Structure formats: structure tokens, C-alpha cells
Amino acid sequence: MRDHGVSRGVALRAFAILQKEGIAAPVPGGRWRVVRPGRDLQRRPLVERLADVITDDHLVVGAAFPSTTELSSRFAVSRPTVSKALDKLEAAGLLSEARQGKQRTVRALPKRTEAPES
């Protein structure tokens, strides 16, 4: 506001337009961040993105699920982070239990809920 000599109201209206156009997004603490195309999908929780692997890779019940190493490379996160997310999918009943030397398999398909149209 000081740099451009505008009031708070003008700055908020400008940010509202940037948000509507998908250029900026609010973050906690009253700040804003630039939205980078393609990176917003990465803002979804990892456990949701891993559940999408079942659908995206057309896996069926009983199919082998990708390894922790493969998933950590695919999603650019550490193996322990992937392991924690996989444990949540296991607890939700979507994947089989992890065992040394045995690959996880799909136990159930994720249920998708669509938002009702307005």
C-alpha cells in the first residue's frame, strides 16, 4: 500500500481480482501467495494424491500398488512421508498391510463424492 500509494480497500480489491483470476491465494496470517500453474495440485494432502493413484493408474482390487520408493520419486517427497500416508490408506481399508518383501495391494476402490451443483 505504501509502495503504490493506495488505501487498504484498494489493495484488498486488487487481491480479490488476483484471487478470482487464479493468480494469488490467501494464506493464514493475512498474507498472500502467488499461485503457480500445475503446483496447486500438489497442495492437496499426499494421502489424497496417493488414493488417486488407484484411479489414475486404473488399478483394481487385488492389483499391486506402487512401491514406496516409486511413489516418493513420483511425488517428490521422502520415503518416510510416503510411508505415513500409505499407513493412513491402509487404516482406511484401501490398501493391504505392509510387510517386508511383500508388495502392498489394493483392497478397495476409493469412493468419490461429487459436490452438488448450485
N, C-alpha and C. Protein backbone atom coordinates (compact mmCIF):
# COMPACT_ATOMS: atom_id res chain seq x y z
N MET A 1 0.83 -1.17 0.00
CA MET A 1 0.00 0.00 0.00
C MET A 1 0.89 1.25 0.00
N ARG A 2 1.89 1.20 0.84
CA ARG A 2 2.80 2.35 0.94
C ARG A 2 3.58 2.52 -0.36
N ASP A 3 4.06 1.41 -0.91
CA ASP A 3 4.86 1.48 -2.14
C ASP A 3 4.08 2.05 -3.32
N HIS A 4 2.79 1.76 -3.36
CA HIS A 4 1.98 2.19 -4.51
C HIS A 4 1.04 3.33 -4.18
N GLY A 5 1.05 3.78 -2.94
CA GLY A 5 0.22 4.92 -2.55
C GLY A 5 -1.27 4.67 -2.65
N VAL A 6 -1.70 3.46 -2.25
CA VAL A 6 -3.13 3.14 -2.30
C VAL A 6 -3.64 2.80 -0.91
N SER A 7 -4.95 2.88 -0.75
CA SER A 7 -5.56 2.56 0.54
C SER A 7 -5.67 1.05 0.70
N ARG A 8 -5.98 0.64 1.93
CA ARG A 8 -6.15 -0.78 2.22
C ARG A 8 -7.29 -1.37 1.40
N GLY A 9 -8.37 -0.63 1.25
CA GLY A 9 -9.52 -1.09 0.46
C GLY A 9 -9.16 -1.37 -0.98
N VAL A 10 -8.37 -0.48 -1.58
CA VAL A 10 -7.93 -0.67 -2.96
C VAL A 10 -7.04 -1.92 -3.06
N ALA A 11 -6.14 -2.09 -2.12
CA ALA A 11 -5.26 -3.26 -2.12
C ALA A 11 -6.07 -4.54 -1.98
N LEU A 12 -7.07 -4.56 -1.10
CA LEU A 12 -7.91 -5.75 -0.92
C LEU A 12 -8.71 -6.05 -2.18
N ARG A 13 -9.22 -5.01 -2.86
CA ARG A 13 -9.95 -5.23 -4.11
C ARG A 13 -9.02 -5.81 -5.18
N ALA A 14 -7.78 -5.30 -5.21
CA ALA A 14 -6.80 -5.82 -6.17
C ALA A 14 -6.51 -7.29 -5.89
N PHE A 15 -6.33 -7.63 -4.62
CA PHE A 15 -6.08 -9.04 -4.27
C PHE A 15 -7.29 -9.91 -4.59
N ALA A 16 -8.51 -9.38 -4.41
CA ALA A 16 -9.72 -10.15 -4.74
C ALA A 16 -9.75 -10.47 -6.23
N ILE A 17 -9.35 -9.51 -7.06
CA ILE A 17 -9.30 -9.75 -8.51
C ILE A 17 -8.22 -10.78 -8.84
N LEU A 18 -7.05 -10.66 -8.22
CA LEU A 18 -5.98 -11.62 -8.45
C LEU A 18 -6.40 -13.03 -8.02
N GLN A 19 -7.16 -13.11 -6.92
CA GLN A 19 -7.63 -14.41 -6.45
C GLN A 19 -8.65 -14.97 -7.44
N LYS A 20 -9.58 -14.16 -7.91
CA LYS A 20 -10.61 -14.60 -8.86
C LYS A 20 -9.98 -15.10 -10.15
N GLU A 21 -8.89 -14.44 -10.57
CA GLU A 21 -8.20 -14.84 -11.80
C GLU A 21 -7.23 -16.00 -11.59
N GLY A 22 -7.11 -16.47 -10.34
CA GLY A 22 -6.25 -17.61 -10.05
C GLY A 22 -4.77 -17.28 -10.00
N ILE A 23 -4.44 -16.01 -9.78
CA ILE A 23 -3.05 -15.59 -9.76
C ILE A 23 -2.49 -15.56 -8.34
N ALA A 24 -3.36 -15.29 -7.35
CA ALA A 24 -2.93 -15.21 -5.95
C ALA A 24 -3.94 -15.93 -5.07
N ALA A 25 -3.48 -16.36 -3.90
CA ALA A 25 -4.35 -17.04 -2.94
C ALA A 25 -3.97 -16.59 -1.53
N PRO A 26 -4.98 -16.43 -0.66
CA PRO A 26 -4.67 -16.03 0.71
C PRO A 26 -4.05 -17.18 1.49
N VAL A 27 -3.19 -16.84 2.43
CA VAL A 27 -2.61 -17.82 3.35
C VAL A 27 -2.82 -17.31 4.77
N PRO A 28 -2.79 -18.20 5.76
CA PRO A 28 -3.00 -17.77 7.15
C PRO A 28 -2.04 -16.64 7.54
N GLY A 29 -2.55 -15.73 8.34
CA GLY A 29 -1.73 -14.62 8.81
C GLY A 29 -1.94 -13.35 8.01
N GLY A 30 -2.93 -13.34 7.13
CA GLY A 30 -3.23 -12.14 6.36
C GLY A 30 -2.29 -11.90 5.20
N ARG A 31 -1.58 -12.91 4.79
CA ARG A 31 -0.65 -12.76 3.66
C ARG A 31 -1.23 -13.41 2.42
N TRP A 32 -0.55 -13.22 1.30
CA TRP A 32 -0.96 -13.79 0.02
C TRP A 32 0.23 -14.50 -0.61
N ARG A 33 -0.06 -15.47 -1.45
CA ARG A 33 1.00 -16.16 -2.19
C ARG A 33 0.63 -16.19 -3.66
N VAL A 34 1.64 -16.26 -4.50
CA VAL A 34 1.44 -16.38 -5.94
C VAL A 34 1.08 -17.82 -6.24
N VAL A 35 0.06 -18.03 -7.06
CA VAL A 35 -0.35 -19.36 -7.45
C VAL A 35 0.42 -19.73 -8.71
N ARG A 36 1.10 -20.85 -8.64
CA ARG A 36 1.87 -21.32 -9.79
C ARG A 36 1.09 -22.43 -10.48
N PRO A 37 0.81 -22.26 -11.78
CA PRO A 37 0.05 -23.28 -12.50
C PRO A 37 0.70 -24.65 -12.37
N GLY A 38 -0.13 -25.66 -12.13
CA GLY A 38 0.36 -27.02 -12.00
C GLY A 38 0.83 -27.39 -10.61
N ARG A 39 1.20 -26.41 -9.81
CA ARG A 39 1.69 -26.72 -8.47
C ARG A 39 0.56 -26.76 -7.45
N ASP A 40 -0.60 -26.16 -7.77
CA ASP A 40 -1.70 -26.17 -6.82
C ASP A 40 -2.20 -27.58 -6.55
N LEU A 41 -2.08 -28.48 -7.53
CA LEU A 41 -2.48 -29.86 -7.30
C LEU A 41 -1.64 -30.49 -6.20
N GLN A 42 -0.39 -30.02 -6.07
CA GLN A 42 0.50 -30.56 -5.05
C GLN A 42 0.12 -30.07 -3.66
N ARG A 43 -0.75 -29.10 -3.55
CA ARG A 43 -1.17 -28.58 -2.26
C ARG A 43 -2.18 -29.53 -1.59
N ARG A 44 -2.76 -30.43 -2.35
CA ARG A 44 -3.67 -31.41 -1.76
C ARG A 44 -2.87 -32.34 -0.87
N PRO A 45 -3.48 -32.83 0.19
CA PRO A 45 -2.75 -33.76 1.07
C PRO A 45 -2.23 -34.98 0.29
N LEU A 46 -1.05 -35.43 0.67
CA LEU A 46 -0.42 -36.56 -0.01
C LEU A 46 -1.30 -37.79 0.02
N VAL A 47 -1.97 -38.02 1.13
CA VAL A 47 -2.82 -39.22 1.23
C VAL A 47 -3.91 -39.20 0.16
N GLU A 48 -4.45 -38.03 -0.16
CA GLU A 48 -5.46 -37.93 -1.22
C GLU A 48 -4.84 -38.20 -2.59
N ARG A 49 -3.65 -37.65 -2.80
CA ARG A 49 -2.97 -37.87 -4.09
C ARG A 49 -2.59 -39.34 -4.27
N LEU A 50 -2.22 -40.01 -3.17
CA LEU A 50 -1.90 -41.44 -3.26
C LEU A 50 -3.14 -42.26 -3.53
N ALA A 51 -4.27 -41.88 -2.94
CA ALA A 51 -5.52 -42.58 -3.22
C ALA A 51 -5.89 -42.42 -4.69
N ASP A 52 -5.57 -41.27 -5.28
CA ASP A 52 -5.84 -41.04 -6.69
C ASP A 52 -5.03 -41.97 -7.59
N VAL A 53 -3.91 -42.47 -7.10
CA VAL A 53 -3.08 -43.39 -7.89
C VAL A 53 -3.92 -44.62 -8.28
N ILE A 54 -4.77 -45.07 -7.38
CA ILE A 54 -5.62 -46.24 -7.68
C ILE A 54 -6.47 -45.96 -8.91
N THR A 55 -7.10 -44.80 -8.95
CA THR A 55 -7.96 -44.43 -10.08
C THR A 55 -7.13 -44.07 -11.31
N ASP A 56 -6.11 -43.23 -11.12
CA ASP A 56 -5.31 -42.74 -12.24
C ASP A 56 -4.58 -43.87 -12.97
N ASP A 57 -4.11 -44.86 -12.21
CA ASP A 57 -3.38 -45.99 -12.81
C ASP A 57 -4.30 -47.15 -13.16
N HIS A 58 -5.61 -46.94 -13.01
CA HIS A 58 -6.62 -47.96 -13.34
C HIS A 58 -6.38 -49.28 -12.60
N LEU A 59 -6.04 -49.16 -11.31
CA LEU A 59 -5.80 -50.35 -10.51
C LEU A 59 -7.14 -50.93 -10.06
N VAL A 60 -7.18 -52.23 -9.92
CA VAL A 60 -8.38 -52.92 -9.46
C VAL A 60 -8.07 -53.61 -8.13
N VAL A 61 -9.10 -54.06 -7.46
CA VAL A 61 -8.90 -54.77 -6.19
C VAL A 61 -8.01 -55.98 -6.45
N GLY A 62 -6.97 -56.11 -5.63
CA GLY A 62 -6.01 -57.20 -5.76
C GLY A 62 -4.76 -56.82 -6.55
N ALA A 63 -4.80 -55.67 -7.23
CA ALA A 63 -3.65 -55.23 -8.03
C ALA A 63 -2.53 -54.74 -7.11
N ALA A 64 -1.30 -54.91 -7.58
CA ALA A 64 -0.13 -54.43 -6.83
C ALA A 64 -0.11 -52.91 -6.84
N PHE A 65 0.13 -52.32 -5.67
CA PHE A 65 0.24 -50.86 -5.54
C PHE A 65 1.70 -50.49 -5.70
N PRO A 66 2.01 -49.32 -6.31
CA PRO A 66 3.42 -48.93 -6.48
C PRO A 66 4.19 -48.92 -5.15
N SER A 67 5.49 -49.14 -5.24
CA SER A 67 6.34 -49.19 -4.05
C SER A 67 6.53 -47.80 -3.45
N THR A 68 6.96 -47.77 -2.20
CA THR A 68 7.24 -46.52 -1.50
C THR A 68 8.31 -45.73 -2.25
N THR A 69 9.34 -46.42 -2.73
CA THR A 69 10.41 -45.76 -3.47
C THR A 69 9.88 -45.13 -4.75
N GLU A 70 9.06 -45.85 -5.48
CA GLU A 70 8.49 -45.33 -6.72
C GLU A 70 7.59 -44.13 -6.44
N LEU A 71 6.78 -44.22 -5.39
CA LEU A 71 5.87 -43.12 -5.05
C LEU A 71 6.63 -41.89 -4.56
N SER A 72 7.71 -42.09 -3.79
CA SER A 72 8.48 -40.95 -3.31
C SER A 72 9.11 -40.21 -4.48
N SER A 73 9.53 -40.93 -5.48
CA SER A 73 10.09 -40.30 -6.68
C SER A 73 8.99 -39.61 -7.49
N ARG A 74 7.87 -40.27 -7.63
CA ARG A 74 6.74 -39.75 -8.42
C ARG A 74 6.19 -38.45 -7.84
N PHE A 75 6.12 -38.36 -6.50
CA PHE A 75 5.53 -37.19 -5.85
C PHE A 75 6.57 -36.25 -5.24
N ALA A 76 7.83 -36.55 -5.44
CA ALA A 76 8.94 -35.71 -4.96
C ALA A 76 8.85 -35.43 -3.46
N VAL A 77 8.64 -36.50 -2.70
CA VAL A 77 8.62 -36.41 -1.23
C VAL A 77 9.47 -37.56 -0.68
N SER A 78 9.80 -37.49 0.60
CA SER A 78 10.66 -38.52 1.20
C SER A 78 9.89 -39.83 1.38
N ARG A 79 10.64 -40.92 1.46
CA ARG A 79 10.03 -42.24 1.68
C ARG A 79 9.28 -42.31 3.01
N PRO A 80 9.81 -41.74 4.11
CA PRO A 80 9.04 -41.77 5.36
C PRO A 80 7.70 -41.03 5.25
N THR A 81 7.67 -39.94 4.49
CA THR A 81 6.43 -39.20 4.28
C THR A 81 5.42 -40.06 3.53
N VAL A 82 5.89 -40.75 2.49
CA VAL A 82 5.02 -41.65 1.74
C VAL A 82 4.53 -42.77 2.64
N SER A 83 5.40 -43.33 3.46
CA SER A 83 5.02 -44.43 4.36
C SER A 83 3.90 -44.02 5.31
N LYS A 84 3.99 -42.82 5.85
CA LYS A 84 2.93 -42.34 6.76
C LYS A 84 1.60 -42.21 6.03
N ALA A 85 1.63 -41.70 4.80
CA ALA A 85 0.40 -41.56 4.02
C ALA A 85 -0.16 -42.94 3.65
N LEU A 86 0.73 -43.88 3.31
CA LEU A 86 0.28 -45.23 2.99
C LEU A 86 -0.35 -45.91 4.20
N ASP A 87 0.20 -45.64 5.39
CA ASP A 87 -0.39 -46.19 6.62
C ASP A 87 -1.84 -45.70 6.79
N LYS A 88 -2.09 -44.45 6.42
CA LYS A 88 -3.45 -43.91 6.51
C LYS A 88 -4.38 -44.59 5.51
N LEU A 89 -3.87 -44.88 4.32
CA LEU A 89 -4.69 -45.58 3.33
C LEU A 89 -4.95 -47.02 3.76
N GLU A 90 -3.97 -47.61 4.43
CA GLU A 90 -4.14 -48.96 4.99
C GLU A 90 -5.22 -48.94 6.07
N ALA A 91 -5.15 -47.96 6.97
CA ALA A 91 -6.15 -47.83 8.04
C ALA A 91 -7.54 -47.59 7.49
N ALA A 92 -7.61 -46.91 6.34
CA ALA A 92 -8.91 -46.65 5.71
C ALA A 92 -9.43 -47.86 4.95
N GLY A 93 -8.61 -48.91 4.86
CA GLY A 93 -9.04 -50.15 4.21
C GLY A 93 -8.82 -50.17 2.71
N LEU A 94 -8.09 -49.18 2.17
CA LEU A 94 -7.86 -49.15 0.72
C LEU A 94 -6.69 -50.02 0.28
N LEU A 95 -5.70 -50.18 1.17
CA LEU A 95 -4.51 -50.96 0.82
C LEU A 95 -4.27 -52.07 1.82
N SER A 96 -3.56 -53.11 1.38
CA SER A 96 -3.21 -54.20 2.27
C SER A 96 -2.09 -53.76 3.20
N GLU A 97 -1.85 -54.57 4.20
CA GLU A 97 -0.81 -54.29 5.20
C GLU A 97 0.58 -54.39 4.56
N ALA A 98 1.45 -53.51 5.01
CA ALA A 98 2.83 -53.54 4.51
C ALA A 98 3.60 -54.64 5.22
N ARG A 99 4.30 -55.44 4.46
CA ARG A 99 5.15 -56.50 5.02
C ARG A 99 6.46 -56.50 4.26
N GLN A 100 7.53 -56.79 4.96
CA GLN A 100 8.84 -56.80 4.31
C GLN A 100 8.87 -57.86 3.22
N GLY A 101 9.28 -57.43 2.04
CA GLY A 101 9.40 -58.35 0.92
C GLY A 101 8.09 -58.64 0.21
N LYS A 102 7.00 -58.04 0.67
CA LYS A 102 5.71 -58.28 0.05
C LYS A 102 5.10 -56.93 -0.35
N GLN A 103 4.70 -56.82 -1.60
CA GLN A 103 4.17 -55.57 -2.12
C GLN A 103 2.73 -55.34 -1.64
N ARG A 104 2.40 -54.09 -1.36
CA ARG A 104 1.03 -53.74 -0.98
C ARG A 104 0.11 -53.99 -2.17
N THR A 105 -1.13 -54.32 -1.86
CA THR A 105 -2.12 -54.49 -2.91
C THR A 105 -3.34 -53.64 -2.59
N VAL A 106 -4.14 -53.40 -3.61
CA VAL A 106 -5.37 -52.62 -3.45
C VAL A 106 -6.43 -53.52 -2.83
N ARG A 107 -7.02 -53.08 -1.72
CA ARG A 107 -8.08 -53.85 -1.05
C ARG A 107 -9.46 -53.34 -1.38
N ALA A 108 -9.57 -52.03 -1.70
CA ALA A 108 -10.87 -51.43 -2.03
C ALA A 108 -10.61 -50.21 -2.91
N LEU A 109 -11.61 -49.84 -3.67
CA LEU A 109 -11.50 -48.66 -4.52
C LEU A 109 -11.99 -47.45 -3.75
N PRO A 110 -11.33 -46.30 -3.93
CA PRO A 110 -11.76 -45.09 -3.22
C PRO A 110 -13.14 -44.64 -3.68
N LYS A 111 -13.92 -44.17 -2.74
CA LYS A 111 -15.25 -43.64 -3.08
C LYS A 111 -15.09 -42.17 -3.38
N ARG A 112 -15.68 -41.72 -4.44
CA ARG A 112 -15.62 -40.31 -4.84
C ARG A 112 -16.96 -39.66 -4.55
N THR A 113 -16.89 -38.50 -3.92
CA THR A 113 -18.12 -37.75 -3.67
C THR A 113 -18.05 -36.47 -4.48
N GLU A 114 -19.08 -36.24 -5.24
CA GLU A 114 -19.16 -35.04 -6.06
C GLU A 114 -19.90 -33.97 -5.29
N ALA A 115 -19.46 -32.74 -5.41
CA ALA A 115 -20.16 -31.62 -4.79
C ALA A 115 -21.45 -31.37 -5.56
N PRO A 116 -22.56 -31.14 -4.84
CA PRO A 116 -23.82 -30.88 -5.55
C PRO A 116 -23.72 -29.58 -6.35
N GLU A 117 -24.34 -29.59 -7.53
CA GLU A 117 -24.30 -28.40 -8.37
C GLU A 117 -25.24 -27.35 -7.82
N SER A 118 -24.83 -26.09 -7.96
CA SER A 118 -25.65 -25.00 -7.45
C SER A 118 -26.73 -24.63 -8.42
